[in-house]
Amino acid sequence: MALPPNAASASVLRSLRSEGVRVSSVSDGIGVLDAVRSGEPALLVLDVELPGPDQAAVLAAVHSEAPNIPVIAVTPRERRAGLLGQLRGDRDDYLLRPFAVDELSARIRLRLRLGAATAQTIPIVRMGDLTVDTEFGEVIVDGQPVALSPTEFSLLVALLAEPGAVVSHEKLAKQVWSEPASANLVQVYISYLRRKIGPERIRTVRGVGYILEG
């Protein structure tokens, strides 16, 4: 795993290494590409303001040369909109600067776990007029492509894993955020997801959780 210098704090390194994760740090875009080409890290944390080549080109090169490597992009808020179009739904994620060390650590653990799980699942899942390609992060609703954020996509995949069954707030929080999250946070992202795939597809079971229906 490669980390940019400003993200590779002693706290992050200690946290990840305590979990048996090997971490290396690079100082510019050329170093990112060299790391990817020489060792194919399990995950890449990419600072969009690293010196060197334009980071849009670096990210495109990583996706092209090492498509199986998930990317967590670290970005200032003003560059977020341009970055989102480059990220792949289920494989990539982003973090706004400034961020908490434990949040980065949680995002890394989540991406690594989702990557391992995706390799063991059927890549294309269909439920009524909803089609989800878990390999490429594509969602089709009523024949039309729908753009989801990485968190929204992870939430949809968690619901798809148990179609027609109630998935609790706690289980969704653990799968999507890799740690306990408030029921209110889950509810907020459920509302985002409903706006994009249709409110009728997700039913609320008050006080329990949510059901994905066809």
N, C-alpha and C. Protein backbone atom coordinates (compact mmCIF):
# COMPACT_ATOMS: atom_id res chain seq x y z
N MET A 1 0.84 -1.19 0.00
CA MET A 1 0.00 0.00 0.00
C MET A 1 0.87 1.24 0.00
N ALA A 2 0.54 2.21 -0.84
CA ALA A 2 1.32 3.44 -0.91
C ALA A 2 0.51 4.60 -0.33
N LEU A 3 1.14 5.40 0.50
CA LEU A 3 0.50 6.55 1.12
C LEU A 3 1.27 7.82 0.78
N PRO A 4 0.55 8.95 0.53
CA PRO A 4 1.24 10.22 0.34
C PRO A 4 1.82 10.68 1.67
N PRO A 5 2.86 11.51 1.65
CA PRO A 5 3.52 11.92 2.90
C PRO A 5 2.60 12.53 3.93
N ASN A 6 1.67 13.40 3.51
CA ASN A 6 0.84 14.08 4.50
C ASN A 6 -0.20 13.15 5.13
N ALA A 7 -0.48 12.02 4.49
CA ALA A 7 -1.41 11.06 5.06
C ALA A 7 -0.68 10.00 5.86
N ALA A 8 0.61 9.83 5.57
CA ALA A 8 1.37 8.75 6.20
C ALA A 8 1.91 9.18 7.55
N SER A 9 1.03 9.60 8.44
CA SER A 9 1.45 10.01 9.77
C SER A 9 1.83 8.78 10.57
N ALA A 10 2.54 9.01 11.67
CA ALA A 10 2.95 7.89 12.51
C ALA A 10 1.73 7.14 13.03
N SER A 11 0.63 7.85 13.30
CA SER A 11 -0.57 7.20 13.82
C SER A 11 -1.16 6.24 12.79
N VAL A 12 -1.25 6.68 11.53
CA VAL A 12 -1.79 5.83 10.48
C VAL A 12 -0.90 4.61 10.28
N LEU A 13 0.41 4.86 10.22
CA LEU A 13 1.33 3.75 10.01
C LEU A 13 1.24 2.73 11.13
N ARG A 14 1.19 3.21 12.37
CA ARG A 14 1.10 2.28 13.51
C ARG A 14 -0.20 1.48 13.46
N SER A 15 -1.30 2.17 13.14
CA SER A 15 -2.60 1.51 13.10
C SER A 15 -2.63 0.41 12.05
N LEU A 16 -2.15 0.72 10.86
CA LEU A 16 -2.20 -0.26 9.78
C LEU A 16 -1.21 -1.40 10.00
N ARG A 17 -0.02 -1.06 10.45
CA ARG A 17 0.98 -2.10 10.67
C ARG A 17 0.57 -3.04 11.80
N SER A 18 -0.17 -2.51 12.78
CA SER A 18 -0.65 -3.38 13.86
C SER A 18 -1.64 -4.41 13.35
N GLU A 19 -2.25 -4.12 12.19
CA GLU A 19 -3.19 -5.05 11.58
C GLU A 19 -2.50 -5.92 10.52
N GLY A 20 -1.18 -5.83 10.44
CA GLY A 20 -0.43 -6.65 9.50
C GLY A 20 -0.38 -6.11 8.08
N VAL A 21 -0.73 -4.82 7.89
CA VAL A 21 -0.70 -4.21 6.57
C VAL A 21 0.65 -3.58 6.31
N ARG A 22 1.26 -3.92 5.18
CA ARG A 22 2.54 -3.33 4.80
C ARG A 22 2.28 -2.00 4.10
N VAL A 23 2.94 -0.95 4.57
CA VAL A 23 2.70 0.40 4.07
C VAL A 23 4.00 1.04 3.60
N SER A 24 3.94 1.70 2.45
CA SER A 24 5.08 2.48 1.96
C SER A 24 4.59 3.86 1.57
N SER A 25 5.50 4.85 1.60
CA SER A 25 5.15 6.22 1.30
C SER A 25 5.93 6.70 0.08
N VAL A 26 5.26 7.49 -0.77
CA VAL A 26 5.92 8.08 -1.94
C VAL A 26 5.74 9.59 -1.89
N SER A 27 6.59 10.32 -2.63
CA SER A 27 6.59 11.78 -2.49
C SER A 27 6.03 12.54 -3.68
N ASP A 28 5.79 11.85 -4.81
CA ASP A 28 5.26 12.56 -5.98
C ASP A 28 4.53 11.58 -6.90
N GLY A 29 3.94 12.13 -7.97
CA GLY A 29 3.18 11.31 -8.90
C GLY A 29 4.00 10.24 -9.59
N ILE A 30 5.25 10.55 -9.90
CA ILE A 30 6.12 9.56 -10.52
C ILE A 30 6.34 8.39 -9.56
N GLY A 31 6.51 8.70 -8.28
CA GLY A 31 6.67 7.66 -7.28
C GLY A 31 5.44 6.77 -7.18
N VAL A 32 4.25 7.38 -7.33
CA VAL A 32 3.01 6.59 -7.32
C VAL A 32 3.02 5.58 -8.45
N LEU A 33 3.34 6.03 -9.66
CA LEU A 33 3.33 5.13 -10.82
C LEU A 33 4.42 4.07 -10.70
N ASP A 34 5.58 4.45 -10.19
CA ASP A 34 6.65 3.46 -10.00
C ASP A 34 6.22 2.38 -9.01
N ALA A 35 5.55 2.81 -7.92
CA ALA A 35 5.10 1.85 -6.91
C ALA A 35 4.08 0.89 -7.48
N VAL A 36 3.16 1.42 -8.28
CA VAL A 36 2.13 0.59 -8.88
C VAL A 36 2.73 -0.40 -9.88
N ARG A 37 3.67 0.09 -10.70
CA ARG A 37 4.25 -0.75 -11.73
C ARG A 37 5.19 -1.81 -11.18
N SER A 38 5.83 -1.51 -10.07
CA SER A 38 6.83 -2.44 -9.55
C SER A 38 6.26 -3.47 -8.59
N GLY A 39 5.21 -3.09 -7.85
CA GLY A 39 4.75 -4.03 -6.83
C GLY A 39 3.27 -4.26 -6.76
N GLU A 40 2.48 -3.50 -7.50
CA GLU A 40 1.03 -3.58 -7.43
C GLU A 40 0.54 -3.65 -5.98
N PRO A 41 0.55 -2.54 -5.26
CA PRO A 41 0.06 -2.53 -3.88
C PRO A 41 -1.40 -2.94 -3.81
N ALA A 42 -1.83 -3.43 -2.66
CA ALA A 42 -3.21 -3.86 -2.48
C ALA A 42 -4.17 -2.68 -2.55
N LEU A 43 -3.67 -1.48 -2.23
CA LEU A 43 -4.51 -0.28 -2.22
C LEU A 43 -3.61 0.94 -2.35
N LEU A 44 -4.14 1.99 -2.96
CA LEU A 44 -3.39 3.23 -3.13
C LEU A 44 -4.16 4.40 -2.52
N VAL A 45 -3.50 5.14 -1.64
CA VAL A 45 -4.04 6.41 -1.15
C VAL A 45 -3.34 7.50 -1.94
N LEU A 46 -4.10 8.23 -2.74
CA LEU A 46 -3.52 9.19 -3.68
C LEU A 46 -3.90 10.62 -3.31
N ASP A 47 -2.92 11.44 -3.00
CA ASP A 47 -3.14 12.86 -2.74
C ASP A 47 -3.20 13.57 -4.08
N VAL A 48 -4.32 14.20 -4.40
CA VAL A 48 -4.48 14.83 -5.71
C VAL A 48 -3.59 16.06 -5.87
N GLU A 49 -2.93 16.51 -4.79
CA GLU A 49 -2.04 17.66 -4.89
C GLU A 49 -0.57 17.28 -4.76
N LEU A 50 -0.26 16.00 -4.97
CA LEU A 50 1.15 15.61 -5.00
C LEU A 50 1.86 16.33 -6.14
N PRO A 51 3.14 16.67 -5.98
CA PRO A 51 3.90 17.26 -7.09
C PRO A 51 4.12 16.23 -8.19
N GLY A 52 4.47 16.74 -9.36
CA GLY A 52 4.72 15.83 -10.49
C GLY A 52 3.63 15.93 -11.52
N PRO A 53 3.38 14.86 -12.27
CA PRO A 53 2.36 14.89 -13.32
C PRO A 53 0.99 15.24 -12.75
N ASP A 54 0.12 15.76 -13.62
CA ASP A 54 -1.25 16.06 -13.21
C ASP A 54 -1.88 14.81 -12.62
N GLN A 55 -2.52 14.94 -11.45
CA GLN A 55 -3.02 13.75 -10.77
C GLN A 55 -4.19 13.10 -11.47
N ALA A 56 -4.90 13.83 -12.33
CA ALA A 56 -5.93 13.19 -13.15
C ALA A 56 -5.30 12.18 -14.09
N ALA A 57 -4.13 12.55 -14.65
CA ALA A 57 -3.41 11.63 -15.53
C ALA A 57 -2.83 10.46 -14.75
N VAL A 58 -2.35 10.73 -13.53
CA VAL A 58 -1.82 9.65 -12.69
C VAL A 58 -2.93 8.66 -12.35
N LEU A 59 -4.09 9.17 -11.96
CA LEU A 59 -5.20 8.31 -11.61
C LEU A 59 -5.66 7.48 -12.81
N ALA A 60 -5.73 8.11 -13.98
CA ALA A 60 -6.11 7.38 -15.19
C ALA A 60 -5.11 6.28 -15.51
N ALA A 61 -3.82 6.56 -15.31
CA ALA A 61 -2.79 5.56 -15.56
C ALA A 61 -2.90 4.39 -14.59
N VAL A 62 -3.17 4.69 -13.33
CA VAL A 62 -3.34 3.63 -12.33
C VAL A 62 -4.52 2.75 -12.70
N HIS A 63 -5.64 3.35 -13.07
CA HIS A 63 -6.82 2.58 -13.46
C HIS A 63 -6.54 1.72 -14.68
N SER A 64 -5.77 2.25 -15.62
CA SER A 64 -5.48 1.52 -16.86
C SER A 64 -4.48 0.39 -16.64
N GLU A 65 -3.40 0.67 -15.90
CA GLU A 65 -2.32 -0.30 -15.74
C GLU A 65 -2.55 -1.28 -14.61
N ALA A 66 -3.31 -0.88 -13.61
CA ALA A 66 -3.55 -1.76 -12.46
C ALA A 66 -5.02 -1.64 -12.04
N PRO A 67 -5.95 -2.13 -12.86
CA PRO A 67 -7.38 -1.92 -12.60
C PRO A 67 -7.90 -2.58 -11.33
N ASN A 68 -7.15 -3.53 -10.78
CA ASN A 68 -7.61 -4.21 -9.57
C ASN A 68 -7.24 -3.49 -8.28
N ILE A 69 -6.46 -2.42 -8.39
CA ILE A 69 -6.04 -1.69 -7.19
C ILE A 69 -7.09 -0.64 -6.83
N PRO A 70 -7.72 -0.74 -5.65
CA PRO A 70 -8.63 0.32 -5.23
C PRO A 70 -7.86 1.58 -4.85
N VAL A 71 -8.49 2.73 -5.05
CA VAL A 71 -7.85 4.02 -4.78
C VAL A 71 -8.70 4.83 -3.81
N ILE A 72 -8.05 5.39 -2.80
CA ILE A 72 -8.68 6.39 -1.94
C ILE A 72 -7.99 7.71 -2.24
N ALA A 73 -8.73 8.64 -2.83
CA ALA A 73 -8.15 9.93 -3.21
C ALA A 73 -8.36 10.93 -2.07
N VAL A 74 -7.28 11.62 -1.70
CA VAL A 74 -7.33 12.68 -0.69
C VAL A 74 -7.38 14.01 -1.43
N THR A 75 -8.41 14.81 -1.18
CA THR A 75 -8.60 16.01 -1.99
C THR A 75 -9.13 17.18 -1.15
N PRO A 76 -8.76 18.41 -1.50
CA PRO A 76 -9.41 19.57 -0.89
C PRO A 76 -10.84 19.68 -1.41
N ARG A 77 -11.72 20.31 -0.66
CA ARG A 77 -13.13 20.38 -1.03
C ARG A 77 -13.35 20.98 -2.42
N GLU A 78 -12.54 21.97 -2.79
CA GLU A 78 -12.77 22.66 -4.06
C GLU A 78 -12.47 21.79 -5.28
N ARG A 79 -11.75 20.68 -5.08
CA ARG A 79 -11.46 19.79 -6.21
C ARG A 79 -12.31 18.54 -6.19
N ARG A 80 -13.24 18.45 -5.25
CA ARG A 80 -14.05 17.24 -5.10
C ARG A 80 -14.90 16.95 -6.34
N ALA A 81 -15.59 17.96 -6.88
CA ALA A 81 -16.51 17.75 -7.99
C ALA A 81 -15.79 17.16 -9.20
N GLY A 82 -14.62 17.69 -9.52
CA GLY A 82 -13.87 17.17 -10.66
C GLY A 82 -13.36 15.77 -10.44
N LEU A 83 -13.07 15.44 -9.18
CA LEU A 83 -12.52 14.12 -8.85
C LEU A 83 -13.56 13.03 -8.96
N LEU A 84 -14.80 13.31 -8.57
CA LEU A 84 -15.82 12.26 -8.50
C LEU A 84 -16.03 11.55 -9.83
N GLY A 85 -15.91 12.28 -10.94
CA GLY A 85 -16.10 11.66 -12.24
C GLY A 85 -15.02 10.66 -12.61
N GLN A 86 -13.90 10.69 -11.90
CA GLN A 86 -12.81 9.77 -12.20
C GLN A 86 -12.82 8.51 -11.34
N LEU A 87 -13.62 8.51 -10.28
CA LEU A 87 -13.61 7.37 -9.36
C LEU A 87 -14.56 6.28 -9.82
N ARG A 88 -14.19 5.04 -9.58
CA ARG A 88 -15.01 3.89 -9.94
C ARG A 88 -15.84 3.49 -8.73
N GLY A 89 -17.15 3.44 -8.92
CA GLY A 89 -18.11 3.22 -7.85
C GLY A 89 -17.69 2.40 -6.66
N ASP A 90 -17.58 1.05 -6.84
CA ASP A 90 -17.33 0.21 -5.68
C ASP A 90 -15.87 0.12 -5.31
N ARG A 91 -14.96 0.42 -6.23
CA ARG A 91 -13.54 0.18 -5.97
C ARG A 91 -12.83 1.36 -5.32
N ASP A 92 -13.27 2.57 -5.62
CA ASP A 92 -12.56 3.76 -5.17
C ASP A 92 -13.36 4.52 -4.12
N ASP A 93 -12.69 5.45 -3.48
CA ASP A 93 -13.31 6.29 -2.46
C ASP A 93 -12.53 7.60 -2.42
N TYR A 94 -13.02 8.56 -1.66
CA TYR A 94 -12.28 9.82 -1.50
C TYR A 94 -12.45 10.32 -0.08
N LEU A 95 -11.54 11.20 0.31
CA LEU A 95 -11.54 11.77 1.66
C LEU A 95 -11.18 13.24 1.53
N LEU A 96 -12.01 14.11 2.13
CA LEU A 96 -11.74 15.54 2.07
C LEU A 96 -10.69 15.92 3.11
N ARG A 97 -9.78 16.80 2.73
CA ARG A 97 -8.79 17.33 3.65
C ARG A 97 -9.33 18.61 4.31
N PRO A 98 -9.17 18.79 5.61
CA PRO A 98 -8.44 17.93 6.57
C PRO A 98 -9.30 16.75 7.01
N PHE A 99 -8.66 15.68 7.45
CA PHE A 99 -9.40 14.49 7.86
C PHE A 99 -8.79 13.93 9.13
N ALA A 100 -9.58 13.11 9.82
CA ALA A 100 -9.10 12.44 11.03
C ALA A 100 -8.35 11.18 10.64
N VAL A 101 -7.28 10.88 11.36
CA VAL A 101 -6.47 9.70 11.08
C VAL A 101 -7.30 8.43 11.14
N ASP A 102 -8.19 8.33 12.14
CA ASP A 102 -8.97 7.10 12.26
C ASP A 102 -9.97 6.95 11.12
N GLU A 103 -10.40 8.07 10.52
CA GLU A 103 -11.30 7.97 9.38
C GLU A 103 -10.58 7.39 8.16
N LEU A 104 -9.35 7.84 7.91
CA LEU A 104 -8.58 7.28 6.81
C LEU A 104 -8.34 5.79 7.04
N SER A 105 -7.98 5.42 8.26
CA SER A 105 -7.73 4.02 8.58
C SER A 105 -8.97 3.18 8.35
N ALA A 106 -10.15 3.69 8.73
CA ALA A 106 -11.40 2.96 8.53
C ALA A 106 -11.71 2.81 7.04
N ARG A 107 -11.49 3.87 6.26
CA ARG A 107 -11.74 3.79 4.81
C ARG A 107 -10.83 2.75 4.15
N ILE A 108 -9.58 2.71 4.59
CA ILE A 108 -8.64 1.74 4.03
C ILE A 108 -9.10 0.31 4.33
N ARG A 109 -9.47 0.06 5.57
CA ARG A 109 -9.92 -1.29 5.94
C ARG A 109 -11.15 -1.69 5.14
N LEU A 110 -12.08 -0.74 4.95
CA LEU A 110 -13.30 -1.01 4.20
C LEU A 110 -12.98 -1.35 2.75
N ARG A 111 -12.14 -0.55 2.09
CA ARG A 111 -11.80 -0.82 0.68
C ARG A 111 -11.13 -2.18 0.51
N LEU A 112 -10.23 -2.52 1.42
CA LEU A 112 -9.54 -3.81 1.33
C LEU A 112 -10.54 -4.95 1.51
N ARG A 113 -11.47 -4.79 2.45
CA ARG A 113 -12.45 -5.85 2.67
C ARG A 113 -13.41 -5.99 1.51
N LEU A 114 -13.87 -4.86 0.96
CA LEU A 114 -14.78 -4.92 -0.19
C LEU A 114 -14.10 -5.52 -1.41
N GLY A 115 -12.81 -5.19 -1.57
CA GLY A 115 -12.07 -5.76 -2.70
C GLY A 115 -12.00 -7.26 -2.63
N ALA A 116 -11.76 -7.79 -1.43
CA ALA A 116 -11.69 -9.24 -1.26
C ALA A 116 -13.06 -9.87 -1.47
N ALA A 117 -14.11 -9.20 -1.01
CA ALA A 117 -15.45 -9.76 -1.14
C ALA A 117 -15.92 -9.75 -2.58
N THR A 118 -15.59 -8.69 -3.33
CA THR A 118 -16.03 -8.59 -4.71
C THR A 118 -15.48 -9.72 -5.55
N ALA A 119 -14.24 -10.13 -5.27
CA ALA A 119 -13.63 -11.20 -6.04
C ALA A 119 -14.35 -12.53 -5.86
N GLN A 120 -15.17 -12.66 -4.80
CA GLN A 120 -15.85 -13.91 -4.52
C GLN A 120 -17.32 -13.87 -4.89
N THR A 121 -17.82 -12.77 -5.43
CA THR A 121 -19.23 -12.64 -5.73
C THR A 121 -19.48 -12.57 -7.23
N ILE A 122 -20.74 -12.80 -7.61
CA ILE A 122 -21.13 -12.68 -9.02
C ILE A 122 -21.05 -11.20 -9.39
N PRO A 123 -20.37 -10.85 -10.48
CA PRO A 123 -20.14 -9.42 -10.76
C PRO A 123 -21.39 -8.63 -11.10
N ILE A 124 -22.40 -9.26 -11.75
CA ILE A 124 -23.58 -8.51 -12.16
C ILE A 124 -24.80 -9.06 -11.42
N VAL A 125 -25.49 -8.16 -10.72
CA VAL A 125 -26.67 -8.54 -9.94
C VAL A 125 -27.87 -7.77 -10.48
N ARG A 126 -28.97 -8.48 -10.72
CA ARG A 126 -30.19 -7.85 -11.23
C ARG A 126 -31.33 -8.09 -10.25
N MET A 127 -32.12 -7.04 -10.05
CA MET A 127 -33.29 -7.13 -9.20
C MET A 127 -34.37 -6.25 -9.80
N GLY A 128 -35.29 -6.86 -10.51
CA GLY A 128 -36.29 -6.09 -11.24
C GLY A 128 -35.63 -5.25 -12.32
N ASP A 129 -35.91 -3.95 -12.29
CA ASP A 129 -35.31 -3.03 -13.27
C ASP A 129 -33.99 -2.43 -12.79
N LEU A 130 -33.47 -2.98 -11.70
CA LEU A 130 -32.20 -2.51 -11.14
C LEU A 130 -31.09 -3.50 -11.49
N THR A 131 -30.03 -3.02 -12.13
CA THR A 131 -28.88 -3.85 -12.47
C THR A 131 -27.63 -3.21 -11.89
N VAL A 132 -26.82 -4.01 -11.18
CA VAL A 132 -25.61 -3.51 -10.55
C VAL A 132 -24.43 -4.36 -10.99
N ASP A 133 -23.43 -3.72 -11.55
CA ASP A 133 -22.18 -4.38 -11.92
C ASP A 133 -21.19 -4.12 -10.79
N THR A 134 -20.98 -5.12 -9.93
CA THR A 134 -20.11 -4.92 -8.77
C THR A 134 -18.64 -4.87 -9.13
N GLU A 135 -18.30 -5.33 -10.33
CA GLU A 135 -16.89 -5.30 -10.74
C GLU A 135 -16.48 -3.92 -11.22
N PHE A 136 -17.36 -3.26 -11.99
CA PHE A 136 -17.01 -1.95 -12.55
C PHE A 136 -17.74 -0.79 -11.89
N GLY A 137 -18.57 -1.09 -10.89
CA GLY A 137 -19.25 -0.03 -10.15
C GLY A 137 -20.32 0.69 -10.92
N GLU A 138 -20.99 -0.02 -11.84
CA GLU A 138 -22.02 0.60 -12.67
C GLU A 138 -23.40 0.21 -12.19
N VAL A 139 -24.32 1.18 -12.21
CA VAL A 139 -25.70 0.95 -11.79
C VAL A 139 -26.64 1.40 -12.90
N ILE A 140 -27.59 0.53 -13.25
CA ILE A 140 -28.59 0.85 -14.27
C ILE A 140 -29.96 0.75 -13.63
N VAL A 141 -30.76 1.81 -13.77
CA VAL A 141 -32.12 1.82 -13.24
C VAL A 141 -33.07 2.13 -14.39
N ASP A 142 -34.01 1.21 -14.64
CA ASP A 142 -34.97 1.37 -15.74
C ASP A 142 -34.27 1.66 -17.06
N GLY A 143 -33.13 1.00 -17.28
CA GLY A 143 -32.41 1.14 -18.54
C GLY A 143 -31.50 2.36 -18.62
N GLN A 144 -31.45 3.17 -17.57
CA GLN A 144 -30.63 4.37 -17.57
C GLN A 144 -29.51 4.27 -16.54
N PRO A 145 -28.27 4.68 -16.91
CA PRO A 145 -27.16 4.66 -15.94
C PRO A 145 -27.38 5.68 -14.84
N VAL A 146 -27.00 5.31 -13.62
CA VAL A 146 -27.14 6.18 -12.46
C VAL A 146 -25.78 6.30 -11.79
N ALA A 147 -25.35 7.53 -11.52
CA ALA A 147 -24.06 7.77 -10.88
C ALA A 147 -24.23 7.80 -9.37
N LEU A 148 -23.56 6.88 -8.66
CA LEU A 148 -23.59 6.85 -7.21
C LEU A 148 -22.22 7.24 -6.66
N SER A 149 -22.21 7.85 -5.49
CA SER A 149 -20.95 8.09 -4.80
C SER A 149 -20.43 6.75 -4.28
N PRO A 150 -19.14 6.66 -3.93
CA PRO A 150 -18.62 5.39 -3.39
C PRO A 150 -19.39 4.89 -2.17
N THR A 151 -19.79 5.80 -1.27
CA THR A 151 -20.53 5.38 -0.08
C THR A 151 -21.93 4.89 -0.46
N GLU A 152 -22.59 5.59 -1.36
CA GLU A 152 -23.92 5.16 -1.82
C GLU A 152 -23.85 3.80 -2.49
N PHE A 153 -22.80 3.57 -3.28
CA PHE A 153 -22.66 2.28 -3.96
C PHE A 153 -22.44 1.17 -2.94
N SER A 154 -21.59 1.40 -1.95
CA SER A 154 -21.34 0.40 -0.91
C SER A 154 -22.62 0.07 -0.16
N LEU A 155 -23.44 1.09 0.09
CA LEU A 155 -24.71 0.88 0.78
C LEU A 155 -25.66 0.03 -0.07
N LEU A 156 -25.71 0.30 -1.36
CA LEU A 156 -26.55 -0.48 -2.26
C LEU A 156 -26.09 -1.93 -2.32
N VAL A 157 -24.79 -2.15 -2.39
CA VAL A 157 -24.25 -3.52 -2.44
C VAL A 157 -24.59 -4.26 -1.15
N ALA A 158 -24.53 -3.57 -0.01
CA ALA A 158 -24.87 -4.20 1.27
C ALA A 158 -26.34 -4.62 1.30
N LEU A 159 -27.22 -3.80 0.73
CA LEU A 159 -28.64 -4.15 0.67
C LEU A 159 -28.88 -5.28 -0.33
N LEU A 160 -28.16 -5.26 -1.44
CA LEU A 160 -28.30 -6.30 -2.46
C LEU A 160 -27.89 -7.67 -1.96
N ALA A 161 -27.00 -7.70 -0.98
CA ALA A 161 -26.53 -8.97 -0.44
C ALA A 161 -27.66 -9.73 0.25
N GLU A 162 -28.72 -9.01 0.65
CA GLU A 162 -29.85 -9.65 1.33
C GLU A 162 -31.16 -9.12 0.76
N PRO A 163 -31.43 -9.37 -0.53
CA PRO A 163 -32.65 -8.83 -1.15
C PRO A 163 -33.90 -9.39 -0.50
N GLY A 164 -34.85 -8.50 -0.23
CA GLY A 164 -36.11 -8.92 0.36
C GLY A 164 -36.07 -9.16 1.85
N ALA A 165 -34.88 -9.02 2.45
CA ALA A 165 -34.73 -9.21 3.90
C ALA A 165 -34.43 -7.88 4.56
N VAL A 166 -34.81 -7.78 5.84
CA VAL A 166 -34.52 -6.56 6.58
C VAL A 166 -33.04 -6.54 6.96
N VAL A 167 -32.35 -5.46 6.59
CA VAL A 167 -30.94 -5.29 6.96
C VAL A 167 -30.90 -4.19 8.02
N SER A 168 -30.37 -4.51 9.18
CA SER A 168 -30.42 -3.57 10.31
C SER A 168 -29.51 -2.37 10.10
N HIS A 169 -29.80 -1.29 10.84
CA HIS A 169 -28.94 -0.11 10.82
C HIS A 169 -27.51 -0.50 11.21
N GLU A 170 -27.39 -1.33 12.23
CA GLU A 170 -26.07 -1.71 12.73
C GLU A 170 -25.27 -2.48 11.69
N LYS A 171 -25.93 -3.39 10.99
CA LYS A 171 -25.23 -4.19 9.98
C LYS A 171 -24.79 -3.33 8.80
N LEU A 172 -25.65 -2.41 8.38
CA LEU A 172 -25.29 -1.51 7.29
C LEU A 172 -24.11 -0.63 7.68
N ALA A 173 -24.16 -0.12 8.91
CA ALA A 173 -23.06 0.75 9.38
C ALA A 173 -21.75 -0.01 9.39
N LYS A 174 -21.78 -1.24 9.85
CA LYS A 174 -20.55 -2.03 9.94
C LYS A 174 -19.99 -2.35 8.55
N GLN A 175 -20.88 -2.67 7.61
CA GLN A 175 -20.42 -3.03 6.27
C GLN A 175 -19.98 -1.83 5.45
N VAL A 176 -20.66 -0.71 5.61
CA VAL A 176 -20.36 0.46 4.77
C VAL A 176 -19.30 1.35 5.39
N TRP A 177 -19.38 1.56 6.71
CA TRP A 177 -18.43 2.46 7.37
C TRP A 177 -17.36 1.73 8.17
N SER A 178 -17.46 0.42 8.24
CA SER A 178 -16.47 -0.43 8.92
C SER A 178 -16.37 -0.14 10.41
N GLU A 179 -17.37 0.50 10.96
CA GLU A 179 -17.38 0.83 12.38
C GLU A 179 -18.79 1.27 12.76
N PRO A 180 -19.12 1.32 14.06
CA PRO A 180 -20.46 1.76 14.45
C PRO A 180 -20.77 3.16 13.91
N ALA A 181 -21.97 3.34 13.42
CA ALA A 181 -22.41 4.65 12.93
C ALA A 181 -23.82 4.88 13.44
N SER A 182 -24.20 6.14 13.60
CA SER A 182 -25.53 6.46 14.11
C SER A 182 -26.59 6.06 13.10
N ALA A 183 -27.78 5.72 13.62
CA ALA A 183 -28.90 5.40 12.74
C ALA A 183 -29.23 6.59 11.84
N ASN A 184 -28.99 7.80 12.35
CA ASN A 184 -29.26 9.00 11.56
C ASN A 184 -28.36 9.09 10.34
N LEU A 185 -27.07 8.73 10.49
CA LEU A 185 -26.15 8.75 9.35
C LEU A 185 -26.60 7.74 8.30
N VAL A 186 -26.98 6.55 8.72
CA VAL A 186 -27.47 5.54 7.78
C VAL A 186 -28.71 6.07 7.07
N GLN A 187 -29.61 6.69 7.82
CA GLN A 187 -30.84 7.22 7.24
C GLN A 187 -30.56 8.29 6.19
N VAL A 188 -29.59 9.14 6.47
CA VAL A 188 -29.23 10.20 5.52
C VAL A 188 -28.78 9.59 4.19
N TYR A 189 -27.91 8.58 4.25
CA TYR A 189 -27.41 7.98 3.01
C TYR A 189 -28.46 7.12 2.32
N ILE A 190 -29.38 6.55 3.09
CA ILE A 190 -30.50 5.84 2.48
C ILE A 190 -31.34 6.83 1.67
N SER A 191 -31.54 8.03 2.20
CA SER A 191 -32.32 9.04 1.47
C SER A 191 -31.61 9.45 0.19
N TYR A 192 -30.27 9.59 0.24
CA TYR A 192 -29.52 9.90 -0.98
C TYR A 192 -29.72 8.80 -2.02
N LEU A 193 -29.62 7.55 -1.57
CA LEU A 193 -29.74 6.41 -2.47
C LEU A 193 -31.15 6.33 -3.07
N ARG A 194 -32.16 6.60 -2.27
CA ARG A 194 -33.55 6.57 -2.76
C ARG A 194 -33.76 7.58 -3.88
N ARG A 195 -33.18 8.75 -3.74
CA ARG A 195 -33.35 9.78 -4.77
C ARG A 195 -32.83 9.31 -6.12
N LYS A 196 -31.82 8.45 -6.08
CA LYS A 196 -31.15 8.06 -7.33
C LYS A 196 -31.70 6.77 -7.94
N ILE A 197 -32.13 5.81 -7.09
CA ILE A 197 -32.62 4.55 -7.65
C ILE A 197 -34.13 4.41 -7.54
N GLY A 198 -34.79 5.37 -6.87
CA GLY A 198 -36.24 5.32 -6.72
C GLY A 198 -36.65 5.00 -5.30
N PRO A 199 -37.48 5.84 -4.68
CA PRO A 199 -37.85 5.64 -3.27
C PRO A 199 -38.59 4.34 -3.01
N GLU A 200 -39.29 3.83 -4.04
CA GLU A 200 -40.08 2.61 -3.85
C GLU A 200 -39.23 1.35 -3.72
N ARG A 201 -37.93 1.46 -4.06
CA ARG A 201 -37.07 0.27 -4.02
C ARG A 201 -36.52 -0.03 -2.63
N ILE A 202 -36.55 0.93 -1.73
CA ILE A 202 -36.03 0.72 -0.38
C ILE A 202 -37.15 1.00 0.62
N ARG A 203 -37.56 -0.03 1.34
CA ARG A 203 -38.64 0.12 2.32
C ARG A 203 -38.05 0.19 3.73
N THR A 204 -38.55 1.12 4.52
CA THR A 204 -38.12 1.27 5.90
C THR A 204 -38.94 0.38 6.81
N VAL A 205 -38.28 -0.36 7.67
CA VAL A 205 -38.94 -1.09 8.75
C VAL A 205 -38.59 -0.33 10.03
N ARG A 206 -39.53 0.44 10.50
CA ARG A 206 -39.26 1.40 11.58
C ARG A 206 -38.60 0.74 12.78
N GLY A 207 -37.50 1.34 13.21
CA GLY A 207 -36.81 0.86 14.39
C GLY A 207 -35.93 -0.37 14.16
N VAL A 208 -35.94 -0.89 12.93
CA VAL A 208 -35.17 -2.11 12.64
C VAL A 208 -34.12 -1.89 11.56
N GLY A 209 -34.58 -1.49 10.35
CA GLY A 209 -33.63 -1.30 9.25
C GLY A 209 -34.34 -1.08 7.93
N TYR A 210 -33.80 -1.65 6.85
CA TYR A 210 -34.30 -1.38 5.51
C TYR A 210 -34.35 -2.65 4.67
N ILE A 211 -35.29 -2.68 3.71
CA ILE A 211 -35.44 -3.81 2.80
C ILE A 211 -35.31 -3.30 1.38
N LEU A 212 -34.47 -3.94 0.57
CA LEU A 212 -34.38 -3.64 -0.86
C LEU A 212 -35.36 -4.53 -1.59
N GLU A 213 -36.28 -3.91 -2.33
CA GLU A 213 -37.32 -4.65 -3.02
C GLU A 213 -37.25 -4.43 -4.52
N GLY A 214 -37.72 -5.40 -5.30
CA GLY A 214 -37.69 -5.31 -6.75
C GLY A 214 -38.76 -4.37 -7.29
